N, C-alpha and C. Protein backbone atom coordinates (compact mmCIF):
# COMPACT_ATOMS: atom_id res chain seq x y z
N LEU A 1 34.12 18.87 0.16
CA LEU A 1 34.56 20.22 0.38
C LEU A 1 33.59 21.13 -0.35
N THR A 2 33.05 22.13 0.34
CA THR A 2 32.13 23.09 -0.27
C THR A 2 32.74 24.48 -0.23
N LEU A 3 32.71 25.16 -1.36
CA LEU A 3 33.18 26.54 -1.45
C LEU A 3 31.96 27.44 -1.59
N LEU A 4 31.98 28.60 -0.94
CA LEU A 4 30.87 29.53 -0.93
C LEU A 4 31.37 30.94 -1.18
N ASN A 5 30.75 31.65 -2.12
CA ASN A 5 31.05 33.06 -2.36
C ASN A 5 29.80 33.87 -2.07
N THR A 6 29.81 34.65 -1.01
CA THR A 6 28.69 35.53 -0.70
C THR A 6 29.01 36.97 -1.07
N GLY A 7 30.14 37.18 -1.72
CA GLY A 7 30.58 38.52 -2.06
C GLY A 7 29.98 39.06 -3.34
N ALA A 8 30.20 40.32 -3.58
CA ALA A 8 29.67 41.00 -4.75
C ALA A 8 30.58 40.87 -5.97
N LEU A 9 31.76 40.28 -5.78
CA LEU A 9 32.70 40.10 -6.87
C LEU A 9 32.82 38.63 -7.24
N ALA A 10 32.90 38.37 -8.54
CA ALA A 10 33.14 37.00 -9.00
C ALA A 10 34.55 36.59 -8.60
N LEU A 11 34.73 35.32 -8.30
CA LEU A 11 36.04 34.78 -7.96
C LEU A 11 36.48 33.88 -9.11
N THR A 12 37.71 34.06 -9.56
CA THR A 12 38.22 33.28 -10.68
C THR A 12 39.56 32.66 -10.32
N ASN A 13 39.88 31.60 -11.03
CA ASN A 13 41.15 30.89 -10.86
C ASN A 13 41.40 30.49 -9.41
N LEU A 14 40.34 30.02 -8.75
CA LEU A 14 40.46 29.58 -7.36
C LEU A 14 41.24 28.28 -7.28
N SER A 15 42.07 28.16 -6.26
CA SER A 15 42.80 26.92 -5.99
C SER A 15 42.77 26.67 -4.50
N VAL A 16 42.63 25.40 -4.12
CA VAL A 16 42.66 25.02 -2.72
C VAL A 16 43.22 23.60 -2.63
N THR A 17 44.01 23.37 -1.60
CA THR A 17 44.53 22.03 -1.34
C THR A 17 44.05 21.60 0.03
N ASP A 18 43.48 20.41 0.12
CA ASP A 18 43.04 19.84 1.39
C ASP A 18 44.09 18.81 1.81
N PHE A 19 44.86 19.18 2.84
CA PHE A 19 45.89 18.29 3.38
C PHE A 19 45.27 17.43 4.48
N PHE A 20 45.49 16.16 4.45
CA PHE A 20 44.93 15.24 5.45
C PHE A 20 45.86 15.19 6.66
N THR A 21 45.95 16.33 7.34
CA THR A 21 46.79 16.45 8.54
C THR A 21 45.95 16.97 9.69
N THR A 22 46.44 16.82 10.89
CA THR A 22 45.69 17.23 12.07
C THR A 22 45.44 18.72 12.13
N ASP A 23 46.32 19.52 11.51
CA ASP A 23 46.12 20.96 11.52
C ASP A 23 45.81 21.54 10.14
N GLY A 24 45.67 20.68 9.14
CA GLY A 24 45.30 21.13 7.80
C GLY A 24 46.41 21.76 6.99
N THR A 25 47.64 21.71 7.49
CA THR A 25 48.77 22.29 6.76
C THR A 25 49.62 21.21 6.12
N ALA A 26 50.43 21.62 5.15
CA ALA A 26 51.28 20.67 4.43
C ALA A 26 52.27 19.97 5.34
N GLY A 27 52.76 20.65 6.36
CA GLY A 27 53.76 20.08 7.25
C GLY A 27 53.21 19.44 8.50
N GLY A 28 51.88 19.37 8.62
CA GLY A 28 51.26 18.84 9.83
C GLY A 28 51.36 17.32 9.94
N THR A 29 50.96 16.82 11.10
CA THR A 29 50.94 15.39 11.36
C THR A 29 49.79 14.74 10.61
N LEU A 30 50.06 13.68 9.88
CA LEU A 30 49.01 13.00 9.12
C LEU A 30 47.90 12.53 10.06
N ASN A 31 46.64 12.64 9.59
CA ASN A 31 45.49 12.28 10.44
C ASN A 31 44.96 10.88 10.19
N GLY A 32 45.53 10.14 9.26
CA GLY A 32 45.09 8.77 8.99
C GLY A 32 44.20 8.63 7.77
N MET A 33 43.80 9.74 7.16
CA MET A 33 43.00 9.66 5.93
C MET A 33 43.92 9.55 4.73
N LEU A 34 43.45 8.79 3.74
CA LEU A 34 44.16 8.66 2.47
C LEU A 34 43.14 8.77 1.34
N VAL A 35 43.55 9.30 0.21
CA VAL A 35 42.73 9.24 -0.98
C VAL A 35 42.56 7.77 -1.33
N ALA A 36 41.36 7.37 -1.69
CA ALA A 36 41.08 5.96 -2.02
C ALA A 36 41.87 5.52 -3.25
N ALA A 37 42.03 4.20 -3.39
CA ALA A 37 42.73 3.64 -4.54
C ALA A 37 42.07 4.06 -5.85
N THR A 38 40.75 4.22 -5.82
CA THR A 38 39.99 4.78 -6.94
C THR A 38 39.35 6.06 -6.42
N PRO A 39 39.96 7.22 -6.63
CA PRO A 39 39.51 8.46 -6.00
C PRO A 39 38.11 8.94 -6.38
N ALA A 40 37.65 8.64 -7.58
CA ALA A 40 36.35 9.11 -8.07
C ALA A 40 36.18 10.61 -7.82
N ALA A 41 37.21 11.37 -8.10
CA ALA A 41 37.22 12.81 -7.82
C ALA A 41 36.33 13.56 -8.81
N THR A 42 35.45 14.41 -8.25
CA THR A 42 34.54 15.21 -9.06
C THR A 42 34.40 16.60 -8.46
N THR A 43 33.93 17.53 -9.28
CA THR A 43 33.62 18.87 -8.79
C THR A 43 32.47 19.46 -9.57
N THR A 44 31.70 20.30 -8.90
CA THR A 44 30.66 21.08 -9.56
C THR A 44 31.14 22.51 -9.80
N CYS A 45 32.38 22.80 -9.46
CA CYS A 45 32.94 24.13 -9.61
C CYS A 45 33.26 24.41 -11.08
N PRO A 46 32.65 25.43 -11.69
CA PRO A 46 32.92 25.73 -13.09
C PRO A 46 34.41 25.95 -13.33
N GLY A 47 34.95 25.27 -14.35
CA GLY A 47 36.35 25.41 -14.71
C GLY A 47 37.31 24.68 -13.80
N GLY A 48 36.80 24.06 -12.74
CA GLY A 48 37.65 23.42 -11.75
C GLY A 48 38.19 22.07 -12.19
N VAL A 49 39.42 21.81 -11.81
CA VAL A 49 40.07 20.52 -12.07
C VAL A 49 40.52 19.97 -10.72
N VAL A 50 40.14 18.72 -10.43
CA VAL A 50 40.51 18.07 -9.18
C VAL A 50 41.67 17.12 -9.44
N THR A 51 42.70 17.21 -8.60
CA THR A 51 43.83 16.29 -8.64
C THR A 51 43.84 15.52 -7.32
N ALA A 52 43.73 14.20 -7.42
CA ALA A 52 43.71 13.34 -6.23
C ALA A 52 44.46 12.06 -6.56
N THR A 53 45.68 11.95 -6.08
CA THR A 53 46.52 10.79 -6.34
C THR A 53 46.08 9.62 -5.46
N PRO A 54 45.83 8.44 -6.05
CA PRO A 54 45.46 7.29 -5.24
C PRO A 54 46.43 7.06 -4.08
N ASN A 55 45.87 6.82 -2.89
CA ASN A 55 46.62 6.59 -1.66
C ASN A 55 47.40 7.82 -1.19
N GLY A 56 47.08 8.99 -1.75
CA GLY A 56 47.76 10.22 -1.37
C GLY A 56 47.20 10.80 -0.08
N THR A 57 47.86 11.83 0.43
CA THR A 57 47.47 12.47 1.68
C THR A 57 46.96 13.88 1.47
N GLN A 58 46.48 14.16 0.26
CA GLN A 58 45.90 15.46 -0.04
C GLN A 58 45.16 15.37 -1.36
N PHE A 59 44.29 16.37 -1.62
CA PHE A 59 43.75 16.56 -2.95
C PHE A 59 43.71 18.04 -3.23
N ARG A 60 43.61 18.40 -4.52
CA ARG A 60 43.70 19.80 -4.91
C ARG A 60 42.63 20.13 -5.94
N LEU A 61 42.06 21.32 -5.79
CA LEU A 61 41.17 21.90 -6.78
C LEU A 61 41.89 23.11 -7.36
N SER A 62 41.88 23.25 -8.69
CA SER A 62 42.50 24.42 -9.31
C SER A 62 41.64 24.92 -10.46
N GLY A 63 41.78 26.21 -10.77
CA GLY A 63 41.12 26.81 -11.91
C GLY A 63 39.62 27.03 -11.77
N ALA A 64 39.10 26.97 -10.58
CA ALA A 64 37.64 27.08 -10.37
C ALA A 64 37.17 28.53 -10.38
N GLN A 65 35.87 28.69 -10.58
CA GLN A 65 35.24 30.01 -10.57
C GLN A 65 33.97 29.96 -9.71
N LEU A 66 33.67 31.07 -9.06
CA LEU A 66 32.40 31.23 -8.36
C LEU A 66 31.84 32.59 -8.73
N ALA A 67 30.59 32.61 -9.15
CA ALA A 67 29.95 33.86 -9.58
C ALA A 67 29.75 34.80 -8.41
N ALA A 68 29.64 36.09 -8.71
CA ALA A 68 29.26 37.09 -7.71
C ALA A 68 27.80 36.84 -7.36
N SER A 69 27.49 36.80 -6.08
CA SER A 69 26.14 36.39 -5.71
C SER A 69 25.51 37.27 -4.66
N GLY A 70 26.25 38.14 -4.01
CA GLY A 70 25.67 38.90 -2.92
C GLY A 70 25.35 38.01 -1.74
N ASN A 71 24.28 38.27 -1.05
CA ASN A 71 23.95 37.55 0.18
C ASN A 71 23.55 36.10 -0.02
N ALA A 72 22.96 35.77 -1.17
CA ALA A 72 22.47 34.41 -1.38
C ALA A 72 23.62 33.41 -1.44
N GLY A 73 24.70 33.80 -2.04
CA GLY A 73 25.87 32.94 -2.12
C GLY A 73 25.83 32.00 -3.30
N ASP A 74 26.96 31.80 -3.89
CA ASP A 74 27.14 30.82 -4.97
C ASP A 74 28.05 29.74 -4.42
N THR A 75 27.68 28.49 -4.60
CA THR A 75 28.46 27.39 -4.05
C THR A 75 28.84 26.38 -5.13
N CYS A 76 29.88 25.63 -4.81
CA CYS A 76 30.25 24.47 -5.60
C CYS A 76 30.92 23.48 -4.66
N THR A 77 31.01 22.25 -5.09
CA THR A 77 31.56 21.21 -4.22
C THR A 77 32.66 20.44 -4.93
N VAL A 78 33.52 19.84 -4.10
CA VAL A 78 34.55 18.92 -4.56
C VAL A 78 34.35 17.63 -3.76
N SER A 79 34.34 16.50 -4.46
CA SER A 79 34.18 15.21 -3.79
C SER A 79 35.32 14.29 -4.19
N VAL A 80 35.88 13.62 -3.19
CA VAL A 80 36.96 12.65 -3.41
C VAL A 80 36.72 11.49 -2.46
N ASP A 81 36.76 10.27 -2.97
CA ASP A 81 36.63 9.10 -2.09
C ASP A 81 37.91 8.94 -1.28
N VAL A 82 37.74 8.63 0.00
CA VAL A 82 38.88 8.45 0.90
C VAL A 82 38.74 7.14 1.67
N THR A 83 39.83 6.76 2.30
CA THR A 83 39.87 5.61 3.19
C THR A 83 40.67 6.02 4.41
N THR A 84 40.79 5.13 5.37
CA THR A 84 41.50 5.48 6.60
C THR A 84 42.47 4.36 7.01
N THR A 85 43.49 4.77 7.73
CA THR A 85 44.47 3.81 8.24
C THR A 85 44.31 3.64 9.73
N VAL A 86 43.35 4.34 10.35
CA VAL A 86 43.15 4.29 11.79
C VAL A 86 41.70 3.95 12.12
N VAL A 87 41.47 3.44 13.32
CA VAL A 87 40.13 3.14 13.79
C VAL A 87 39.61 4.36 14.55
N GLY A 88 38.35 4.70 14.35
CA GLY A 88 37.76 5.80 15.08
C GLY A 88 37.43 6.98 14.18
N THR A 89 37.14 8.09 14.81
CA THR A 89 36.74 9.30 14.10
C THR A 89 37.96 10.11 13.69
N ILE A 90 37.90 10.61 12.46
CA ILE A 90 38.95 11.49 11.97
C ILE A 90 38.31 12.83 11.63
N GLN A 91 38.92 13.89 12.10
CA GLN A 91 38.45 15.22 11.75
C GLN A 91 39.30 15.76 10.65
N ASN A 92 38.64 16.28 9.59
CA ASN A 92 39.38 16.85 8.47
C ASN A 92 39.04 18.31 8.37
């Protein structure tokens, strides 16, 4: 997951949850992705904390910051190892 701030204002205390559902919402139909048994969750987002429960159907980033950058944009990433319960392509 990559976050991008192209705005003139710094962003603070950012939080985002990635639900592994077909429509990306908490109540959506599960898409077959699961957080891996060993999530190896990391982030480059300053101040960010990643929560990824093994075998869970979502992960969360909280407390992150992105500097004001104007047109160039400031980015950070969140990485979580996942596995699947279905054969084929899964869109997240």
